[in-house]
PDB file of all heavy atoms in Angstrom:
ATOM      1  N   GLY A   1      -7.607   5.767 -14.358  1.00  0.00           N
ATOM      2  CA  GLY A   1      -7.196   4.390 -14.405  1.00  0.00           C
ATOM      3  C   GLY A   1      -7.287   3.687 -13.125  1.00  0.00           C
ATOM      4  O   GLY A   1      -6.706   2.568 -12.972  1.00  0.00           O
ATOM      5  N   PHE A   2      -8.032   4.214 -12.110  1.00  0.00           N
ATOM      6  CA  PHE A   2      -8.115   3.571 -10.837  1.00  0.00           C
ATOM      7  C   PHE A   2      -9.579   3.328 -10.370  1.00  0.00           C
ATOM      8  O   PHE A   2     -10.443   4.090 -10.828  1.00  0.00           O
ATOM      9  CB  PHE A   2      -7.481   4.408  -9.730  1.00  0.00           C
ATOM     10  CG  PHE A   2      -6.042   4.515  -9.870  1.00  0.00           C
ATOM     11  CD1 PHE A   2      -5.407   5.647 -10.360  1.00  0.00           C
ATOM     12  CD2 PHE A   2      -5.187   3.498  -9.488  1.00  0.00           C
ATOM     13  CE1 PHE A   2      -4.079   5.796 -10.483  1.00  0.00           C
ATOM     14  CE2 PHE A   2      -3.801   3.606  -9.622  1.00  0.00           C
ATOM     15  CZ  PHE A   2      -3.216   4.744 -10.103  1.00  0.00           C
ATOM     16  N   GLY A   3      -9.770   2.345  -9.559  1.00  0.00           N
ATOM     17  CA  GLY A   3     -11.012   2.043  -8.859  1.00  0.00           C
ATOM     18  C   GLY A   3     -12.137   1.624  -9.785  1.00  0.00           C
ATOM     19  O   GLY A   3     -12.162   1.710 -10.938  1.00  0.00           O
ATOM     20  N   ALA A   4     -13.158   1.021  -9.085  1.00  0.00           N
ATOM     21  CA  ALA A   4     -14.419   0.581  -9.671  1.00  0.00           C
ATOM     22  C   ALA A   4     -14.296  -0.085 -11.033  1.00  0.00           C
ATOM     23  O   ALA A   4     -14.874   0.371 -12.014  1.00  0.00           O
ATOM     24  CB  ALA A   4     -15.415   1.798  -9.740  1.00  0.00           C
ATOM     25  N   GLY A   5     -13.505  -1.108 -11.125  1.00  0.00           N
ATOM     26  CA  GLY A   5     -13.306  -1.844 -12.310  1.00  0.00           C
ATOM     27  C   GLY A   5     -12.329  -1.251 -13.342  1.00  0.00           C
ATOM     28  O   GLY A   5     -12.155  -1.767 -14.415  1.00  0.00           O
ATOM     29  N   ALA A   6     -11.827  -0.077 -13.027  1.00  0.00           N
ATOM     30  CA  ALA A   6     -10.961   0.664 -14.041  1.00  0.00           C
ATOM     31  C   ALA A   6      -9.486   0.357 -13.785  1.00  0.00           C
ATOM     32  O   ALA A   6      -8.654   0.971 -14.374  1.00  0.00           O
ATOM     33  CB  ALA A   6     -11.214   2.129 -13.892  1.00  0.00           C
ATOM     34  N   GLY A   7      -9.158  -0.548 -12.894  1.00  0.00           N
ATOM     35  CA  GLY A   7      -7.735  -0.805 -12.640  1.00  0.00           C
ATOM     36  C   GLY A   7      -7.548  -1.073 -11.163  1.00  0.00           C
ATOM     37  O   GLY A   7      -8.437  -1.308 -10.428  1.00  0.00           O
ATOM     38  N   PRO A   8      -6.271  -0.961 -10.722  1.00  0.00           N
ATOM     39  CA  PRO A   8      -5.985  -1.220  -9.322  1.00  0.00           C
ATOM     40  C   PRO A   8      -6.615  -0.231  -8.371  1.00  0.00           C
ATOM     41  O   PRO A   8      -6.807   0.979  -8.724  1.00  0.00           O
ATOM     42  CB  PRO A   8      -4.418  -1.111  -9.253  1.00  0.00           C
ATOM     43  CG  PRO A   8      -4.064  -0.255 -10.390  1.00  0.00           C
ATOM     44  CD  PRO A   8      -5.108  -0.538 -11.467  1.00  0.00           C
ATOM     45  N   ARG A   9      -7.038  -0.714  -7.201  1.00  0.00           N
ATOM     46  CA  ARG A   9      -7.564   0.197  -6.203  1.00  0.00           C
ATOM     47  C   ARG A   9      -6.474   1.141  -5.717  1.00  0.00           C
ATOM     48  O   ARG A   9      -5.307   0.764  -5.525  1.00  0.00           O
ATOM     49  CB  ARG A   9      -8.064  -0.605  -5.032  1.00  0.00           C
ATOM     50  CG  ARG A   9      -9.340  -1.393  -5.360  1.00  0.00           C
ATOM     51  CD  ARG A   9      -9.871  -2.209  -4.189  1.00  0.00           C
ATOM     52  NE  ARG A   9      -9.814  -1.519  -2.908  1.00  0.00           N
ATOM     53  CZ  ARG A   9      -9.015  -1.926  -1.916  1.00  0.00           C
ATOM     54  NH1 ARG A   9      -8.205  -2.933  -2.096  1.00  0.00           N
ATOM     55  NH2 ARG A   9      -8.986  -1.285  -0.817  1.00  0.00           N
ATOM     56  N   ARG A  10      -6.854   2.388  -5.536  1.00  0.00           N
ATOM     57  CA  ARG A  10      -5.903   3.400  -5.069  1.00  0.00           C
ATOM     58  C   ARG A  10      -5.236   2.963  -3.785  1.00  0.00           C
ATOM     59  O   ARG A  10      -4.029   3.187  -3.579  1.00  0.00           O
ATOM     60  CB  ARG A  10      -6.627   4.743  -4.859  1.00  0.00           C
ATOM     61  CG  ARG A  10      -7.028   5.421  -6.107  1.00  0.00           C
ATOM     62  CD  ARG A  10      -7.677   6.744  -5.815  1.00  0.00           C
ATOM     63  NE  ARG A  10      -8.972   6.555  -5.141  1.00  0.00           N
ATOM     64  CZ  ARG A  10     -10.116   6.595  -5.801  1.00  0.00           C
ATOM     65  NH1 ARG A  10     -10.190   6.805  -7.080  1.00  0.00           N
ATOM     66  NH2 ARG A  10     -11.230   6.407  -5.100  1.00  0.00           N
ATOM     67  N   GLU A  11      -6.079   2.397  -2.862  1.00  0.00           N
ATOM     68  CA  GLU A  11      -5.502   2.019  -1.541  1.00  0.00           C
ATOM     69  C   GLU A  11      -4.390   1.040  -1.692  1.00  0.00           C
ATOM     70  O   GLU A  11      -3.389   1.099  -1.001  1.00  0.00           O
ATOM     71  CB  GLU A  11      -6.646   1.496  -0.653  1.00  0.00           C
ATOM     72  CG  GLU A  11      -7.688   2.513  -0.313  1.00  0.00           C
ATOM     73  CD  GLU A  11      -8.792   2.565  -1.345  1.00  0.00           C
ATOM     74  OE1 GLU A  11      -8.734   1.902  -2.390  1.00  0.00           O
ATOM     75  OE2 GLU A  11      -9.779   3.284  -1.114  1.00  0.00           O
ATOM     76  N   ALA A  12      -4.511   0.071  -2.540  1.00  0.00           N
ATOM     77  CA  ALA A  12      -3.537  -0.951  -2.712  1.00  0.00           C
ATOM     78  C   ALA A  12      -2.230  -0.306  -3.276  1.00  0.00           C
ATOM     79  O   ALA A  12      -1.125  -0.617  -2.849  1.00  0.00           O
ATOM     80  CB  ALA A  12      -4.024  -2.047  -3.612  1.00  0.00           C
ATOM     81  N   LEU A  13      -2.417   0.522  -4.225  1.00  0.00           N
ATOM     82  CA  LEU A  13      -1.270   1.212  -4.872  1.00  0.00           C
ATOM     83  C   LEU A  13      -0.509   2.041  -3.780  1.00  0.00           C
ATOM     84  O   LEU A  13       0.705   2.052  -3.782  1.00  0.00           O
ATOM     85  CB  LEU A  13      -1.723   2.074  -6.059  1.00  0.00           C
ATOM     86  CG  LEU A  13      -0.582   2.652  -6.851  1.00  0.00           C
ATOM     87  CD1 LEU A  13       0.264   1.519  -7.514  1.00  0.00           C
ATOM     88  CD2 LEU A  13      -1.179   3.500  -7.984  1.00  0.00           C
ATOM     89  N   VAL A  14      -1.292   2.771  -2.987  1.00  0.00           N
ATOM     90  CA  VAL A  14      -0.601   3.625  -1.982  1.00  0.00           C
ATOM     91  C   VAL A  14       0.124   2.733  -0.949  1.00  0.00           C
ATOM     92  O   VAL A  14       1.240   3.079  -0.564  1.00  0.00           O
ATOM     93  CB  VAL A  14      -1.683   4.528  -1.204  1.00  0.00           C
ATOM     94  CG1 VAL A  14      -1.072   5.167  -0.018  1.00  0.00           C
ATOM     95  CG2 VAL A  14      -2.196   5.603  -2.238  1.00  0.00           C
ATOM     96  N   GLN A  15      -0.486   1.633  -0.519  1.00  0.00           N
ATOM     97  CA  GLN A  15       0.147   0.750   0.443  1.00  0.00           C
ATOM     98  C   GLN A  15       1.538   0.176  -0.174  1.00  0.00           C
ATOM     99  O   GLN A  15       2.459   0.144   0.542  1.00  0.00           O
ATOM    100  CB  GLN A  15      -0.770  -0.406   0.813  1.00  0.00           C
ATOM    101  CG  GLN A  15      -1.939   0.030   1.659  1.00  0.00           C
ATOM    102  CD  GLN A  15      -1.553   0.647   3.017  1.00  0.00           C
ATOM    103  OE1 GLN A  15      -0.433   0.431   3.521  1.00  0.00           O
ATOM    104  NE2 GLN A  15      -2.440   1.444   3.569  1.00  0.00           N
ATOM    105  N   VAL A  16       1.499  -0.175  -1.412  1.00  0.00           N
ATOM    106  CA  VAL A  16       2.682  -0.652  -2.037  1.00  0.00           C
ATOM    107  C   VAL A  16       3.687   0.418  -2.080  1.00  0.00           C
ATOM    108  O   VAL A  16       4.897   0.247  -1.821  1.00  0.00           O
ATOM    109  CB  VAL A  16       2.383  -1.353  -3.399  1.00  0.00           C
ATOM    110  CG1 VAL A  16       3.669  -1.544  -4.212  1.00  0.00           C
ATOM    111  CG2 VAL A  16       1.573  -2.582  -3.264  1.00  0.00           C
ATOM    112  N   ALA A  17       3.265   1.648  -2.454  1.00  0.00           N
ATOM    113  CA  ALA A  17       4.181   2.790  -2.542  1.00  0.00           C
ATOM    114  C   ALA A  17       4.797   3.067  -1.195  1.00  0.00           C
ATOM    115  O   ALA A  17       6.022   3.398  -1.097  1.00  0.00           O
ATOM    116  CB  ALA A  17       3.447   3.962  -3.083  1.00  0.00           C
ATOM    117  N   LEU A  18       4.043   2.919  -0.130  1.00  0.00           N
ATOM    118  CA  LEU A  18       4.597   3.158   1.198  1.00  0.00           C
ATOM    119  C   LEU A  18       5.717   2.142   1.506  1.00  0.00           C
ATOM    120  O   LEU A  18       6.708   2.474   2.136  1.00  0.00           O
ATOM    121  CB  LEU A  18       3.525   3.102   2.290  1.00  0.00           C
ATOM    122  CG  LEU A  18       2.587   4.317   2.285  1.00  0.00           C
ATOM    123  CD1 LEU A  18       1.375   3.989   3.165  1.00  0.00           C
ATOM    124  CD2 LEU A  18       3.298   5.548   2.727  1.00  0.00           C
ATOM    125  N   GLN A  19       5.458   0.919   1.174  1.00  0.00           N
ATOM    126  CA  GLN A  19       6.530  -0.103   1.328  1.00  0.00           C
ATOM    127  C   GLN A  19       7.801   0.215   0.588  1.00  0.00           C
ATOM    128  O   GLN A  19       8.931   0.079   1.089  1.00  0.00           O
ATOM    129  CB  GLN A  19       6.005  -1.451   0.925  1.00  0.00           C
ATOM    130  CG  GLN A  19       4.931  -2.026   1.835  1.00  0.00           C
ATOM    131  CD  GLN A  19       5.394  -2.197   3.226  1.00  0.00           C
ATOM    132  OE1 GLN A  19       6.417  -2.857   3.482  1.00  0.00           O
ATOM    133  NE2 GLN A  19       4.701  -1.584   4.137  1.00  0.00           N
ATOM    134  N   VAL A  20       7.646   0.597  -0.715  1.00  0.00           N
ATOM    135  CA  VAL A  20       8.770   0.933  -1.540  1.00  0.00           C
ATOM    136  C   VAL A  20       9.516   2.158  -0.941  1.00  0.00           C
ATOM    137  O   VAL A  20      10.729   2.186  -0.824  1.00  0.00           O
ATOM    138  CB  VAL A  20       8.381   1.154  -2.994  1.00  0.00           C
ATOM    139  CG1 VAL A  20       9.517   1.757  -3.803  1.00  0.00           C
ATOM    140  CG2 VAL A  20       7.894  -0.085  -3.623  1.00  0.00           C
ATOM    141  N   ALA A  21       8.761   3.163  -0.509  1.00  0.00           N
ATOM    142  CA  ALA A  21       9.328   4.300   0.071  1.00  0.00           C
ATOM    143  C   ALA A  21      10.131   3.973   1.360  1.00  0.00           C
ATOM    144  O   ALA A  21      11.264   4.478   1.550  1.00  0.00           O
ATOM    145  CB  ALA A  21       8.305   5.407   0.402  1.00  0.00           C
ATOM    146  N   PHE A  22       9.569   3.142   2.229  1.00  0.00           N
ATOM    147  CA  PHE A  22      10.255   2.760   3.475  1.00  0.00           C
ATOM    148  C   PHE A  22      11.586   1.997   3.074  1.00  0.00           C
ATOM    149  O   PHE A  22      12.594   2.277   3.648  1.00  0.00           O
ATOM    150  CB  PHE A  22       9.431   1.845   4.318  1.00  0.00           C
ATOM    151  CG  PHE A  22       9.994   1.642   5.682  1.00  0.00           C
ATOM    152  CD1 PHE A  22       9.632   2.471   6.765  1.00  0.00           C
ATOM    153  CD2 PHE A  22      10.961   0.666   5.919  1.00  0.00           C
ATOM    154  CE1 PHE A  22      10.208   2.291   7.993  1.00  0.00           C
ATOM    155  CE2 PHE A  22      11.513   0.476   7.116  1.00  0.00           C
ATOM    156  CZ  PHE A  22      11.134   1.330   8.163  1.00  0.00           C
ATOM    157  N   TYR A  23      11.500   1.129   2.121  1.00  0.00           N
ATOM    158  CA  TYR A  23      12.676   0.391   1.674  1.00  0.00           C
ATOM    159  C   TYR A  23      13.728   1.345   1.159  1.00  0.00           C
ATOM    160  O   TYR A  23      14.910   1.229   1.523  1.00  0.00           O
ATOM    161  CB  TYR A  23      12.315  -0.619   0.587  1.00  0.00           C
ATOM    162  CG  TYR A  23      13.503  -1.406   0.117  1.00  0.00           C
ATOM    163  CD1 TYR A  23      13.983  -2.502   0.765  1.00  0.00           C
ATOM    164  CD2 TYR A  23      14.219  -0.946  -1.008  1.00  0.00           C
ATOM    165  CE1 TYR A  23      15.104  -3.191   0.312  1.00  0.00           C
ATOM    166  CE2 TYR A  23      15.376  -1.635  -1.480  1.00  0.00           C
ATOM    167  CZ  TYR A  23      15.782  -2.765  -0.780  1.00  0.00           C
ATOM    168  OH  TYR A  23      16.898  -3.414  -1.223  1.00  0.00           O
ATOM    169  N   ARG A  24      13.357   2.307   0.371  1.00  0.00           N
ATOM    170  CA  ARG A  24      14.306   3.183  -0.185  1.00  0.00           C
ATOM    171  C   ARG A  24      14.915   4.103   0.881  1.00  0.00           C
ATOM    172  O   ARG A  24      16.121   4.469   0.831  1.00  0.00           O
ATOM    173  CB  ARG A  24      13.695   4.043  -1.220  1.00  0.00           C
ATOM    174  CG  ARG A  24      13.352   3.216  -2.510  1.00  0.00           C
ATOM    175  CD  ARG A  24      12.834   3.955  -3.601  1.00  0.00           C
ATOM    176  NE  ARG A  24      13.662   3.805  -4.765  1.00  0.00           N
ATOM    177  CZ  ARG A  24      13.505   4.437  -5.865  1.00  0.00           C
ATOM    178  NH1 ARG A  24      12.592   5.386  -6.004  1.00  0.00           N
ATOM    179  NH2 ARG A  24      14.362   4.211  -6.873  1.00  0.00           N
ATOM    180  N   ALA A  25      14.134   4.404   1.979  1.00  0.00           N
ATOM    181  CA  ALA A  25      14.661   5.271   3.013  1.00  0.00           C
ATOM    182  C   ALA A  25      15.543   4.519   3.984  1.00  0.00           C
ATOM    183  O   ALA A  25      16.520   5.044   4.475  1.00  0.00           O
ATOM    184  CB  ALA A  25      13.480   5.914   3.763  1.00  0.00           C
ATOM    185  N   HIS A  26      15.268   3.237   4.173  1.00  0.00           N
ATOM    186  CA  HIS A  26      15.896   2.536   5.259  1.00  0.00           C
ATOM    187  C   HIS A  26      16.680   1.245   4.798  1.00  0.00           C
ATOM    188  O   HIS A  26      17.322   0.572   5.582  1.00  0.00           O
ATOM    189  CB  HIS A  26      14.883   2.097   6.356  1.00  0.00           C
ATOM    190  CG  HIS A  26      14.215   3.269   6.967  1.00  0.00           C
ATOM    191  ND1 HIS A  26      14.757   4.079   7.908  1.00  0.00           N
ATOM    192  CD2 HIS A  26      12.969   3.786   6.738  1.00  0.00           C
ATOM    193  CE1 HIS A  26      13.933   5.000   8.250  1.00  0.00           C
ATOM    194  NE2 HIS A  26      12.861   4.870   7.542  1.00  0.00           N
ATOM    195  N   GLY A  27      16.526   0.887   3.565  1.00  0.00           N
ATOM    196  CA  GLY A  27      17.273  -0.253   3.042  1.00  0.00           C
ATOM    197  C   GLY A  27      16.686  -1.615   3.373  1.00  0.00           C
ATOM    198  O   GLY A  27      17.299  -2.674   3.109  1.00  0.00           O
ATOM    199  N   SER A  28      15.471  -1.631   3.911  1.00  0.00           N
ATOM    200  CA  SER A  28      14.821  -2.856   4.240  1.00  0.00           C
ATOM    201  C   SER A  28      13.294  -2.602   4.439  1.00  0.00           C
ATOM    202  O   SER A  28      12.905  -1.464   4.613  1.00  0.00           O
ATOM    203  CB  SER A  28      15.351  -3.492   5.550  1.00  0.00           C
ATOM    204  OG  SER A  28      15.005  -2.642   6.668  1.00  0.00           O
ATOM    205  N   LEU A  29      12.542  -3.655   4.344  1.00  0.00           N
ATOM    206  CA  LEU A  29      11.124  -3.565   4.648  1.00  0.00           C
ATOM    207  C   LEU A  29      10.917  -3.601   6.157  1.00  0.00           C
ATOM    208  O   LEU A  29      11.884  -3.952   6.841  1.00  0.00           O
ATOM    209  CB  LEU A  29      10.342  -4.690   3.995  1.00  0.00           C
ATOM    210  CG  LEU A  29      10.317  -4.701   2.450  1.00  0.00           C
ATOM    211  CD1 LEU A  29       9.484  -5.849   1.923  1.00  0.00           C
ATOM    212  CD2 LEU A  29       9.795  -3.432   1.850  1.00  0.00           C
ATOM    213  N   CYS A  30       9.813  -3.288   6.654  1.00  0.00           N
ATOM    214  CA  CYS A  30       9.549  -3.357   8.087  1.00  0.00           C
ATOM    215  C   CYS A  30       8.242  -3.985   8.352  1.00  0.00           C
ATOM    216  O   CYS A  30       7.419  -4.136   7.477  1.00  0.00           O
ATOM    217  CB  CYS A  30       9.657  -1.939   8.682  1.00  0.00           C
ATOM    218  SG  CYS A  30       8.231  -0.910   8.233  1.00  0.00           S
ATOM    219  N   ALA A  31       8.021  -4.384   9.622  1.00  0.00           N
ATOM    220  CA  ALA A  31       6.701  -4.881  10.007  1.00  0.00           C
ATOM    221  C   ALA A  31       5.713  -3.707   9.925  1.00  0.00           C
ATOM    222  O   ALA A  31       5.899  -2.659  10.480  1.00  0.00           O
ATOM    223  CB  ALA A  31       6.807  -5.388  11.470  1.00  0.00           C
ATOM    224  N   THR A  32       4.639  -3.971   9.143  1.00  0.00           N
ATOM    225  CA  THR A  32       3.697  -2.970   8.811  1.00  0.00           C
ATOM    226  C   THR A  32       2.342  -3.511   8.981  1.00  0.00           C
ATOM    227  O   THR A  32       2.102  -4.708   8.708  1.00  0.00           O
ATOM    228  CB  THR A  32       3.905  -2.482   7.351  1.00  0.00           C
ATOM    229  OG1 THR A  32       5.203  -2.097   7.135  1.00  0.00           O
ATOM    230  CG2 THR A  32       2.963  -1.391   6.978  1.00  0.00           C
ATOM    231  N   CYS A  33       1.422  -2.660   9.387  1.00  0.00           N
ATOM    232  CA  CYS A  33      -0.016  -3.124   9.454  1.00  0.00           C
ATOM    233  C   CYS A  33      -0.944  -2.010   9.059  1.00  0.00           C
ATOM    234  O   CYS A  33      -0.600  -0.810   9.125  1.00  0.00           O
ATOM    235  CB  CYS A  33      -0.355  -3.611  10.839  1.00  0.00           C
ATOM    236  SG  CYS A  33      -0.428  -2.282  12.085  1.00  0.00           S
ATOM    237  N   GLU A  34      -2.078  -2.390   8.586  1.00  0.00           N
ATOM    238  CA  GLU A  34      -3.160  -1.471   8.276  1.00  0.00           C
ATOM    239  C   GLU A  34      -4.426  -2.116   8.945  1.00  0.00           C
ATOM    240  O   GLU A  34      -4.876  -3.168   8.504  1.00  0.00           O
ATOM    241  CB  GLU A  34      -3.382  -1.323   6.766  1.00  0.00           C
ATOM    242  CG  GLU A  34      -4.541  -0.407   6.412  1.00  0.00           C
ATOM    243  CD  GLU A  34      -4.873  -0.433   4.951  1.00  0.00           C
ATOM    244  OE1 GLU A  34      -4.289  -1.213   4.150  1.00  0.00           O
ATOM    245  OE2 GLU A  34      -5.769   0.387   4.556  1.00  0.00           O
ATOM    246  N   PRO A  35      -4.973  -1.450   9.931  1.00  0.00           N
ATOM    247  CA  PRO A  35      -6.207  -1.943  10.519  1.00  0.00           C
ATOM    248  C   PRO A  35      -7.367  -1.829   9.525  1.00  0.00           C
ATOM    249  O   PRO A  35      -7.474  -0.844   8.830  1.00  0.00           O
ATOM    250  CB  PRO A  35      -6.448  -1.007  11.694  1.00  0.00           C
ATOM    251  CG  PRO A  35      -5.114  -0.362  11.938  1.00  0.00           C
ATOM    252  CD  PRO A  35      -4.393  -0.261  10.654  1.00  0.00           C
ATOM    253  N   LEU A  36      -8.085  -2.930   9.397  1.00  0.00           N
ATOM    254  CA  LEU A  36      -9.292  -2.977   8.544  1.00  0.00           C
ATOM    255  C   LEU A  36     -10.518  -3.374   9.349  1.00  0.00           C
ATOM    256  O   LEU A  36     -10.477  -4.215  10.232  1.00  0.00           O
ATOM    257  CB  LEU A  36      -9.111  -4.004   7.389  1.00  0.00           C
ATOM    258  CG  LEU A  36      -7.984  -3.709   6.364  1.00  0.00           C
ATOM    259  CD1 LEU A  36      -7.940  -4.856   5.384  1.00  0.00           C
ATOM    260  CD2 LEU A  36      -8.257  -2.437   5.665  1.00  0.00           C
ATOM    261  N   SER A  37     -11.612  -2.787   9.004  1.00  0.00           N
ATOM    262  CA  SER A  37     -12.939  -3.145   9.638  1.00  0.00           C
ATOM    263  C   SER A  37     -13.378  -4.443   9.039  1.00  0.00           C
ATOM    264  O   SER A  37     -13.352  -4.681   7.897  1.00  0.00           O
ATOM    265  CB  SER A  37     -13.923  -1.990   9.400  1.00  0.00           C
ATOM    266  OG  SER A  37     -15.200  -2.470   9.826  1.00  0.00           O
ATOM    267  N   LEU A  38     -13.866  -5.342  10.003  1.00  0.00           N
ATOM    268  CA  LEU A  38     -14.461  -6.589   9.544  1.00  0.00           C
ATOM    269  C   LEU A  38     -15.994  -6.542   9.597  1.00  0.00           C
ATOM    270  O   LEU A  38     -16.680  -7.498   9.807  1.00  0.00           O
ATOM    271  CB  LEU A  38     -13.991  -7.720  10.479  1.00  0.00           C
ATOM    272  CG  LEU A  38     -12.511  -7.985  10.421  1.00  0.00           C
ATOM    273  CD1 LEU A  38     -12.214  -9.101  11.461  1.00  0.00           C
ATOM    274  CD2 LEU A  38     -12.067  -8.311   9.054  1.00  0.00           C
ATOM    275  N   ARG A  39     -16.533  -5.331   9.343  1.00  0.00           N
ATOM    276  CA  ARG A  39     -18.013  -5.068   9.495  1.00  0.00           C
ATOM    277  C   ARG A  39     -18.837  -6.069   8.695  1.00  0.00           C
ATOM    278  O   ARG A  39     -19.957  -6.325   9.001  1.00  0.00           O
ATOM    279  CB  ARG A  39     -18.349  -3.635   9.206  1.00  0.00           C
ATOM    280  CG  ARG A  39     -18.102  -3.205   7.800  1.00  0.00           C
ATOM    281  CD  ARG A  39     -18.469  -1.740   7.559  1.00  0.00           C
ATOM    282  NE  ARG A  39     -18.031  -1.249   6.306  1.00  0.00           N
ATOM    283  CZ  ARG A  39     -16.885  -0.624   6.168  1.00  0.00           C
ATOM    284  NH1 ARG A  39     -16.087  -0.434   7.159  1.00  0.00           N
ATOM    285  NH2 ARG A  39     -16.530  -0.218   4.949  1.00  0.00           N
TER     286      ARG A  39
END
């Protein structure tokens, strides 16, 4: 159900999951970044 037109990109789902996990561990969101190539 992921990737290449089959649904949400795995990367996006993992990033959202990391935010939720941080919130559950610390009770708040935090400043977060993911470096992306602008090639």
